[in-house]
Protein backbone atom coordinates (compact mmCIF):
# COMPACT_ATOMS: atom_id res chain seq x y z
CA MET A 1 0.00 0.00 0.00
CA PRO A 2 1.40 3.41 -0.91
CA LYS A 3 2.79 5.45 1.96
CA GLU A 4 0.36 8.32 1.32
CA GLU A 5 -2.63 5.95 1.52
CA LYS A 6 -1.39 4.43 4.81
CA LEU A 7 -1.02 7.90 6.27
CA LEU A 8 -4.55 8.84 5.18
CA ILE A 9 -6.05 5.73 6.84
CA SER A 10 -4.11 6.38 10.03
CA ARG A 11 -5.39 9.93 10.18
CA SER A 12 -8.96 8.74 9.53
CA THR A 13 -8.70 6.13 12.28
CA ARG A 14 -7.47 8.72 14.75
CA ALA A 15 -10.30 11.08 13.81
CA VAL A 16 -12.92 8.37 14.28
CA ALA A 17 -11.39 7.39 17.63
CA LYS A 18 -11.45 11.00 18.74
CA ILE A 19 -15.14 11.29 17.83
CA VAL A 20 -15.96 8.05 19.68
CA TRP A 21 -14.11 9.23 22.77
CA THR A 22 -15.87 12.60 22.64
CA VAL A 23 -19.29 10.97 22.39
CA ALA A 24 -18.40 8.58 25.19
CA ILE A 25 -17.35 11.46 27.45
CA ILE A 26 -20.60 13.33 26.71
CA ILE A 27 -22.62 10.23 27.56
CA ILE A 28 -20.68 9.66 30.77
CA VAL A 29 -21.13 13.30 31.83
CA ALA A 30 -24.86 13.12 31.04
CA ILE A 31 -25.27 9.93 33.07
CA ALA A 32 -23.31 11.39 35.97
CA SER A 33 -25.38 14.56 35.83
CA SER A 34 -28.59 12.55 35.79
CA LEU A 35 -27.46 10.47 38.73
CA ALA A 36 -26.57 13.61 40.65
CA THR A 37 -29.94 15.13 39.85
CA TRP A 38 -31.76 12.00 40.98
CA GLY A 39 -29.61 11.98 44.07
CA ILE A 40 -30.79 15.47 44.90
CA LEU A 41 -34.39 14.48 44.25
CA ILE A 42 -34.01 11.44 46.45
CA MET A 43 -32.65 13.66 49.21
CA LEU A 44 -35.57 16.06 48.81
CA ARG A 45 -38.29 13.42 48.61
CA PRO A 46 -37.80 10.20 50.59
CA SER A 47 -38.17 6.92 48.80
CA GLU A 48 -41.58 5.48 48.09
CA GLY A 49 -40.98 2.85 50.75
CA ASN A 50 -40.76 5.53 53.45
CA PRO A 51 -44.30 6.31 54.71
CA ILE A 52 -45.76 9.74 55.30
CA VAL A 53 -46.13 10.01 59.06
CA MET A 54 -48.99 11.98 60.57
CA GLY A 55 -49.26 12.51 64.30
CA THR A 56 -51.46 14.01 66.99
CA THR A 57 -52.35 13.85 70.67
CA PHE A 58 -55.75 12.97 72.11
CA ASP A 59 -57.34 12.08 75.40
CA PHE A 60 -57.88 8.32 75.34
CA THR A 61 -58.29 7.59 79.05
CA SER A 62 -59.88 10.59 80.79
CA PHE A 63 -62.92 12.85 80.36
CA GLU A 64 -62.72 13.15 76.55
CA ALA A 65 -61.62 9.54 76.00
CA GLN A 66 -64.53 8.40 73.85
CA HIS A 67 -64.39 11.56 71.77
CA GLY A 68 -60.68 11.07 71.13
CA ARG A 69 -61.23 7.48 70.03
CA LEU A 70 -64.04 8.53 67.67
CA VAL A 71 -61.99 11.27 66.01
CA LYS A 72 -59.09 8.84 65.62
CA ALA A 73 -61.48 6.35 64.00
CA GLY A 74 -62.37 8.98 61.42
CA PHE A 75 -58.69 9.58 60.62
CA GLU A 76 -58.21 5.84 60.26
CA ILE A 77 -61.18 5.41 57.87
CA TRP A 78 -59.73 8.15 55.67
CA MET A 79 -56.20 6.73 55.93
CA ASP A 80 -57.33 3.23 54.92
CA GLU A 81 -59.07 4.68 51.85
CA VAL A 82 -56.01 6.69 50.81
CA ASN A 83 -53.60 3.79 51.29
CA ALA A 84 -55.88 1.48 49.30
CA LYS A 85 -55.52 3.95 46.41
CA GLY A 86 -51.72 3.94 46.63
CA GLY A 87 -51.16 6.53 49.36
CA LEU A 88 -50.04 10.13 48.90
CA LEU A 89 -47.07 11.12 46.73
CA GLY A 90 -46.68 7.41 46.03
CA ARG A 91 -46.18 6.65 49.72
CA GLN A 92 -48.37 4.98 52.33
CA VAL A 93 -49.71 7.06 55.21
CA THR A 94 -49.27 6.10 58.88
CA LEU A 95 -50.60 7.70 62.06
CA ILE A 96 -48.94 8.17 65.46
CA THR A 97 -51.19 9.10 68.38
CA TYR A 98 -50.37 9.68 72.04
CA ASP A 99 -52.67 9.77 75.06
CA ASP A 100 -52.54 13.10 76.89
CA GLU A 101 -55.24 12.30 79.47
CA ASP A 102 -56.73 15.75 78.77
CA THR A 103 -53.91 17.53 80.64
CA THR A 104 -51.99 20.59 79.46
CA GLU A 105 -48.64 19.12 80.51
CA LYS A 106 -49.06 15.96 78.43
CA ILE A 107 -50.46 17.84 75.44
CA VAL A 108 -47.27 19.93 75.46
CA SER A 109 -44.90 16.96 75.91
CA ASN A 110 -46.72 14.83 73.33
CA THR A 111 -46.71 17.60 70.72
CA GLU A 112 -43.01 18.29 71.32
CA ARG A 113 -42.27 14.57 71.02
CA LEU A 114 -44.16 14.30 67.73
CA LEU A 115 -42.22 17.20 66.23
CA SER A 116 -38.73 16.81 67.72
CA VAL A 117 -38.40 13.04 68.22
CA ASP A 118 -40.83 11.38 65.81
CA LYS A 119 -40.36 14.23 63.30
CA VAL A 120 -43.81 13.68 61.83
CA ASP A 121 -44.46 14.97 58.33
CA ILE A 122 -47.93 16.28 59.24
CA LEU A 123 -49.17 17.47 62.63
CA LEU A 124 -52.91 16.97 63.00
CA GLY A 125 -54.58 19.45 65.32
CA GLY A 126 -56.29 18.21 68.47
CA TRP A 127 -59.91 17.66 69.38
CA GLY A 128 -61.07 20.20 71.90
CA SER A 129 -60.82 23.66 73.39
CA LEU A 130 -57.96 22.55 75.64
CA HIS A 131 -55.86 20.94 72.92
CA THR A 132 -55.80 23.55 70.18
CA PRO A 133 -54.65 26.59 72.23
CA VAL A 134 -51.83 24.51 73.70
CA MET A 135 -50.72 22.95 70.40
CA ALA A 136 -50.87 26.14 68.32
CA PRO A 137 -47.78 27.94 69.73
CA ILE A 138 -45.72 24.74 69.54
CA ALA A 139 -46.72 24.26 65.91
CA GLU A 140 -45.77 27.89 65.29
CA LYS A 141 -42.33 27.35 66.82
CA TYR A 142 -41.65 24.44 64.45
CA GLY A 143 -43.35 26.07 61.44
CA MET A 144 -45.80 23.16 61.15
CA THR A 145 -49.26 23.55 59.69
CA ASN A 146 -52.00 21.84 61.65
CA VAL A 147 -55.75 21.59 61.11
CA GLY A 148 -57.62 20.99 64.35
CA VAL A 149 -61.19 19.96 65.02
CA PHE A 150 -62.23 22.78 67.36
CA TRP A 151 -61.04 26.24 68.35
CA PRO A 152 -62.25 28.26 71.32
CA ASN A 153 -63.43 31.80 70.54
CA THR A 154 -60.12 33.24 71.73
CA LEU A 155 -58.19 31.50 68.94
CA ILE A 156 -60.75 32.58 66.35
CA TYR A 157 -60.29 36.21 67.40
CA ARG A 158 -56.49 35.87 67.53
CA ALA A 159 -56.39 34.40 64.02
CA ARG A 160 -58.46 37.36 62.84
CA ASP A 161 -56.76 40.16 64.82
CA GLU A 162 -53.21 38.85 65.41
CA PRO A 163 -52.62 36.39 62.54
CA GLU A 164 -48.86 36.40 63.00
CA THR A 165 -49.25 34.67 66.39
CA ILE A 166 -51.16 31.69 65.02
CA HIS A 167 -50.04 31.64 61.41
CA HIS A 168 -49.73 27.86 60.95
CA SER A 169 -52.89 26.66 62.72
CA PHE A 170 -56.35 26.08 61.24
CA ALA A 171 -59.67 24.81 62.60
CA TYR A 172 -62.63 23.06 61.01
CA SER A 173 -65.16 24.16 63.62
CA SER A 174 -65.75 25.58 67.09
CA GLY A 175 -68.28 24.35 69.62
CA PRO A 176 -68.64 27.67 71.46
CA TYR A 177 -68.57 29.85 68.36
CA MET A 178 -70.55 27.76 65.86
CA TYR A 179 -72.92 25.38 67.67
CA PRO A 180 -75.39 28.04 68.87
CA ARG A 181 -75.80 29.49 65.36
CA PRO A 182 -78.14 26.93 63.76
CA MET A 183 -80.33 27.02 66.88
CA PHE A 184 -80.78 30.78 66.71
CA ALA A 185 -81.33 30.66 62.95
CA PHE A 186 -84.03 28.03 63.51
CA ILE A 187 -85.95 29.72 66.33
CA ASN A 188 -85.74 33.04 64.51
CA SER A 189 -87.42 31.41 61.50
CA LEU A 190 -90.44 30.22 63.50
CA PRO A 191 -93.81 31.92 62.92
CA ASN A 192 -94.83 34.52 65.49
CA GLU A 193 -97.30 32.21 67.23
CA THR A 194 -94.54 29.70 68.10
CA ARG A 195 -91.45 31.93 68.11
CA PRO A 196 -90.00 32.14 71.65
CA SER A 197 -89.04 35.48 73.17
CA THR A 198 -87.04 34.76 76.36
CA ILE A 199 -83.89 32.72 76.95
CA ALA A 200 -82.08 31.53 80.08
CA LEU A 201 -78.37 30.72 79.76
CA VAL A 202 -76.76 28.28 82.20
CA SER A 203 -73.05 27.71 81.61
CA ARG A 204 -69.89 26.09 82.91
CA ASP A 205 -67.65 28.67 84.53
CA ASP A 206 -64.67 27.95 82.28
CA ILE A 207 -63.36 29.04 78.89
CA TYR A 208 -65.73 26.77 76.97
CA GLY A 209 -68.89 27.71 78.84
CA ARG A 210 -68.15 31.42 78.84
CA ASP A 211 -67.23 31.42 75.14
CA SER A 212 -70.47 29.64 74.24
CA ALA A 213 -72.52 31.96 76.46
CA ALA A 214 -70.87 34.97 74.82
CA THR A 215 -71.90 33.69 71.38
CA CYS A 216 -75.47 33.10 72.62
CA LYS A 217 -75.70 36.66 73.98
CA GLU A 218 -74.37 38.09 70.73
CA LEU A 219 -76.93 36.14 68.68
CA ALA A 220 -79.78 36.91 71.09
CA GLU A 221 -79.14 40.60 70.58
CA GLN A 222 -78.89 40.14 66.82
CA TYR A 223 -82.24 38.30 66.64
CA ASN A 224 -84.04 40.36 69.34
CA PHE A 225 -84.41 37.68 72.01
CA THR A 226 -84.38 38.66 75.69
CA ILE A 227 -81.86 37.01 78.05
CA VAL A 228 -83.70 36.67 81.39
CA LEU A 229 -80.88 34.80 83.18
CA ASP A 230 -77.13 34.40 82.60
CA GLU A 231 -76.03 31.85 85.22
CA TYR A 232 -72.65 30.13 85.71
CA PHE A 233 -71.71 27.12 87.84
CA ASP A 234 -68.60 25.36 89.09
CA PRO A 235 -67.97 22.52 86.57
CA THR A 236 -66.50 20.33 89.30
CA LYS A 237 -69.84 20.29 91.14
CA LEU A 238 -72.55 18.65 89.07
CA ASP A 239 -75.45 18.62 91.49
CA LEU A 240 -77.28 21.31 89.55
CA THR A 241 -80.68 21.17 91.27
CA LEU A 242 -80.31 24.62 92.87
CA VAL A 243 -78.92 26.12 89.67
CA MET A 244 -81.77 24.76 87.56
CA THR A 245 -84.31 25.86 90.19
CA LYS A 246 -83.03 29.39 89.68
CA VAL A 247 -83.36 28.89 85.92
CA ALA A 248 -86.95 27.70 86.34
CA GLN A 249 -87.80 30.74 88.47
CA SER A 250 -86.83 32.98 85.53
CA ASN A 251 -89.52 31.11 83.53
CA PRO A 252 -87.78 31.24 80.13
CA ASP A 253 -89.22 30.02 76.85
CA VAL A 254 -85.82 28.54 75.96
CA ILE A 255 -83.11 27.01 78.13
CA MET A 256 -79.65 27.02 76.57
CA GLY A 257 -76.93 25.01 78.29
CA ASN A 258 -73.30 25.83 77.58
CA GLY A 259 -70.89 23.10 78.54
CA PHE A 260 -69.89 19.48 78.04
CA PRO A 261 -71.89 16.23 77.92
CA ASN A 262 -71.52 15.44 81.62
CA ASP A 263 -72.97 18.75 82.85
CA ALA A 264 -75.55 18.71 80.03
CA GLU A 265 -76.81 15.40 81.40
CA ALA A 266 -76.82 16.89 84.92
CA ARG A 267 -78.87 19.88 83.72
CA CYS A 268 -81.38 17.61 82.00
CA ARG A 269 -81.78 15.39 85.09
CA ALA A 270 -82.22 18.44 87.32
CA LEU A 271 -84.97 19.81 85.08
CA HIS A 272 -86.89 16.56 85.49
CA GLU A 273 -86.29 16.53 89.24
CA ILE A 274 -87.76 20.00 89.73
CA GLY A 275 -90.49 19.39 87.14
CA PHE A 276 -89.84 22.40 84.92
CA ILE A 277 -90.54 22.01 81.19
CA PRO A 278 -89.35 24.81 78.89
CA LYS A 279 -90.85 25.27 75.46
CA ILE A 280 -87.44 24.58 73.89
CA TYR A 281 -84.33 22.96 75.36
CA TRP A 282 -80.89 23.25 73.73
CA GLU A 283 -77.45 22.07 74.80
CA ASN A 284 -74.17 23.13 73.19
CA ILE A 285 -72.80 19.58 73.45
CA GLY A 286 -74.65 16.46 74.53
CA PRO A 287 -77.84 15.65 72.62
CA ALA A 288 -75.96 14.75 69.41
CA TRP A 289 -73.84 12.22 71.31
CA PRO A 290 -74.91 8.56 71.32
CA GLU A 291 -74.57 8.31 75.11
CA TRP A 292 -77.22 11.02 75.54
CA ILE A 293 -79.82 8.51 74.45
CA THR A 294 -78.35 5.51 76.24
CA VAL A 295 -77.77 7.35 79.55
CA LEU A 296 -80.87 9.55 79.73
CA GLY A 297 -83.43 7.51 77.80
CA VAL A 298 -86.80 9.25 77.55
CA LYS A 299 -85.57 12.10 79.76
CA GLY A 300 -83.28 13.18 76.93
CA GLU A 301 -86.05 13.41 74.36
CA TYR A 302 -86.70 16.66 72.42
CA ALA A 303 -83.33 18.25 73.23
CA PHE A 304 -81.61 20.21 70.44
CA GLN A 305 -77.94 20.55 69.49
CA GLY A 306 -75.98 22.14 66.65
CA THR A 307 -73.57 19.86 64.80
CA PRO A 308 -71.03 20.18 61.96
CA TRP A 309 -72.15 16.91 60.37
CA ALA A 310 -75.48 15.47 59.26
CA TYR A 311 -75.71 11.75 58.64
CA ASN A 312 -78.34 12.31 55.94
CA PHE A 313 -76.37 14.95 54.02
CA PRO A 314 -76.87 14.08 50.34
CA GLY A 315 -74.09 12.59 48.27
CA ALA A 316 -72.39 9.30 47.59
CA ALA A 317 -69.30 10.26 49.62
CA ASN A 318 -71.27 10.79 52.83
CA GLU A 319 -73.33 7.64 52.27
CA ALA A 320 -70.14 5.59 51.83
CA PHE A 321 -68.63 7.18 54.93
CA VAL A 322 -71.70 6.35 57.05
CA THR A 323 -71.46 2.71 56.00
CA LYS A 324 -67.74 2.54 56.87
CA ALA A 325 -68.19 4.46 60.13
CA ILE A 326 -70.88 2.06 61.30
CA MET A 327 -68.54 -0.86 60.56
CA LYS A 328 -65.71 0.92 62.40
CA VAL A 329 -67.40 2.26 65.55
CA GLY A 330 -70.88 0.71 65.48
CA ARG A 331 -74.24 2.32 64.80
CA ASP A 332 -74.68 3.33 68.46
CA LEU A 333 -71.51 5.46 68.33
CA LEU A 334 -72.08 6.98 64.90
CA SER A 335 -71.62 10.73 65.48
CA TYR A 336 -69.87 13.83 64.25
CA PRO A 337 -66.40 13.42 65.87
CA THR A 338 -65.66 10.53 63.50
CA ALA A 339 -66.85 12.59 60.54
CA MET A 340 -64.65 15.50 61.68
CA GLY A 341 -61.55 13.30 61.76
CA TYR A 342 -62.36 12.00 58.29
CA MET A 343 -62.94 15.48 56.83
CA ILE A 344 -59.65 16.83 58.18
CA GLY A 345 -57.99 13.89 56.45
CA GLN A 346 -59.78 14.86 53.23
CA ILE A 347 -58.48 18.43 53.51
CA TYR A 348 -54.88 17.30 54.03
CA GLU A 349 -55.12 14.81 51.17
CA GLN A 350 -56.10 17.56 48.74
CA ALA A 351 -53.53 20.03 50.11
CA ILE A 352 -50.65 17.54 49.82
CA THR A 353 -51.76 16.46 46.35
CA LYS A 354 -51.98 20.06 45.11
CA ALA A 355 -48.60 20.92 46.62
CA ASP A 356 -47.09 17.68 45.31
CA SER A 357 -44.96 18.02 48.39
CA LEU A 358 -44.85 17.95 52.19
CA ASP A 359 -43.18 21.35 52.24
CA GLN A 360 -44.89 23.29 55.03
CA ALA A 361 -44.71 26.68 53.29
CA LYS A 362 -46.47 25.23 50.25
CA LEU A 363 -49.10 23.51 52.40
CA LEU A 364 -49.70 26.73 54.34
CA ASN A 365 -50.31 28.67 51.13
CA ILE A 366 -52.69 26.02 49.77
CA LEU A 367 -54.68 25.80 53.01
CA GLU A 368 -55.06 29.58 53.03
CA THR A 369 -56.06 30.00 49.39
CA ASN A 370 -57.82 26.87 48.14
CA GLU A 371 -61.25 25.26 48.29
CA PHE A 372 -61.59 21.70 49.57
CA ASP A 373 -64.20 19.02 48.92
CA THR A 374 -65.47 17.35 52.10
CA LEU A 375 -68.33 15.10 53.17
CA MET A 376 -70.34 18.27 53.86
CA GLY A 377 -69.53 20.02 50.59
CA LYS A 378 -66.91 22.62 49.67
CA VAL A 379 -64.94 24.30 52.45
CA THR A 380 -62.59 27.28 52.46
CA PHE A 381 -60.70 28.94 55.31
CA THR A 382 -61.16 32.59 56.26
CA ASP A 383 -58.69 33.81 58.89
CA HIS A 384 -57.73 30.13 59.22
CA PHE A 385 -61.26 29.15 60.28
CA ALA A 386 -63.36 26.94 58.00
CA ASN A 387 -66.46 28.26 56.27
CA ALA A 388 -68.23 24.98 56.95
CA PRO A 389 -71.98 24.28 57.17
CA MET A 390 -73.78 23.67 60.47
CA PHE A 391 -76.91 21.65 61.21
CA LEU A 392 -79.46 21.37 64.00
CA ILE A 393 -80.65 18.03 65.36
CA GLN A 394 -83.39 17.14 67.81
CA VAL A 395 -83.67 13.88 69.72
CA GLN A 396 -86.95 12.20 68.79
CA ASN A 397 -87.84 8.63 69.70
CA ALA A 398 -84.21 7.84 70.55
CA THR A 399 -83.06 9.06 67.11
CA PHE A 400 -81.14 12.13 65.93
CA GLU A 401 -83.46 13.94 63.53
CA THR A 402 -82.13 16.75 61.36
CA ILE A 403 -84.33 19.82 61.87
CA TRP A 404 -82.39 22.65 60.21
CA PRO A 405 -81.74 23.56 57.47
CA SER A 406 -85.25 22.75 56.35
CA THR A 407 -83.98 21.33 53.05
CA LEU A 408 -82.45 18.43 54.99
CA GLN A 409 -85.19 18.05 57.58
CA THR A 410 -85.87 14.41 58.42
CA SER A 411 -88.75 15.08 60.82
CA PRO A 412 -90.83 18.10 61.87
CA PRO A 413 -89.59 19.68 65.12
CA VAL A 414 -91.47 18.83 68.30
CA LEU A 415 -92.46 22.23 69.74
CA PRO A 416 -93.19 22.97 72.49
CA ILE A 417 -91.87 20.11 74.61
CA PRO A 418 -94.91 17.99 75.59
CA SER A 419 -96.16 17.99 79.17
CA THR A 420 -95.43 14.25 79.26
CA TRP A 421 -91.68 14.87 78.88
CA GLY A 422 -89.69 12.07 80.45
CA GLN A 423 -92.62 9.70 80.92
């Protein structure tokens, strides 16, 4: 082969080799870059095998024990549904709960443990008026969003007037602030011949009772009802015969009790003992609880209560939930705490899905600005408090009948209370 031809082939071979090596280097760099990128992503989002951990603290052994168990059951029904669909962000969801025995000290220590030791991805707000004010500043310290079941009035006003102090906390409802509202809307809608005019308030002398009484007085003024008595009692002393005798002496058309199930039951028993029958009897909490019927029997008939959940609310989602809740807790314990736990799960599911992340800043923004589908329809938050519907039930023949709004009424209201009450 001529020397010139050999030289040409040699040069061609070297050129081809150079091109091959260049391409190889580009491929290697691209692969390395991709691996680095995926490494960063893996660091930012844990592997699919690592579950999303939610956590909260409830009372499971003391005064609010049954309520805590029922709310937890609602979380669990929601969690089972989500995990059956593949979880959130491709990961299963787990729940850590601690028993705080309804004490401030244990609520604090449990919340700190969830955030500093367990390092939960999501902090679920607590159940009652004791839990949420205690958990809120701790959540703020850690920058953790949390949606609770109930807020006392003080937190509602703080979220409105001092939002920077409670920036990460939200609430679905409030017993003191919301539960009186459907009752007042209902009695205000009655025709003149049956519309009551006078109201006696009898309340626990604590934050819950005073908050609820304050709401009642505000609404009474708004709707032109006259408060003939505003009485408070020591919640540690539940022999309320003298208190209810004083209530009876004021001869109100409506008795409104502001407190918890145990003192609501004591008020109801005392009314029967002294033989006073008001035209209308309402309790802030009690008549919508299953134990109201089992403990009081016929003495608990005709009592009213506001509630954030109606078992007969139309829609396939609520019907499916009722079926699952009955299987989970039993028909006798079917009540709104379980629905509340489920709906808070629904809200978090949508927030996490929209954020495509567990980043707390993103979740905060979505909770503040988005609309969420729940068992009871669409819900938004204003000043971190949910614009959620309320309902009024009355106990009739050992059943919770929806009275208001009238579009969902399952039975006409029994007004006034019959003279045979309790017989």
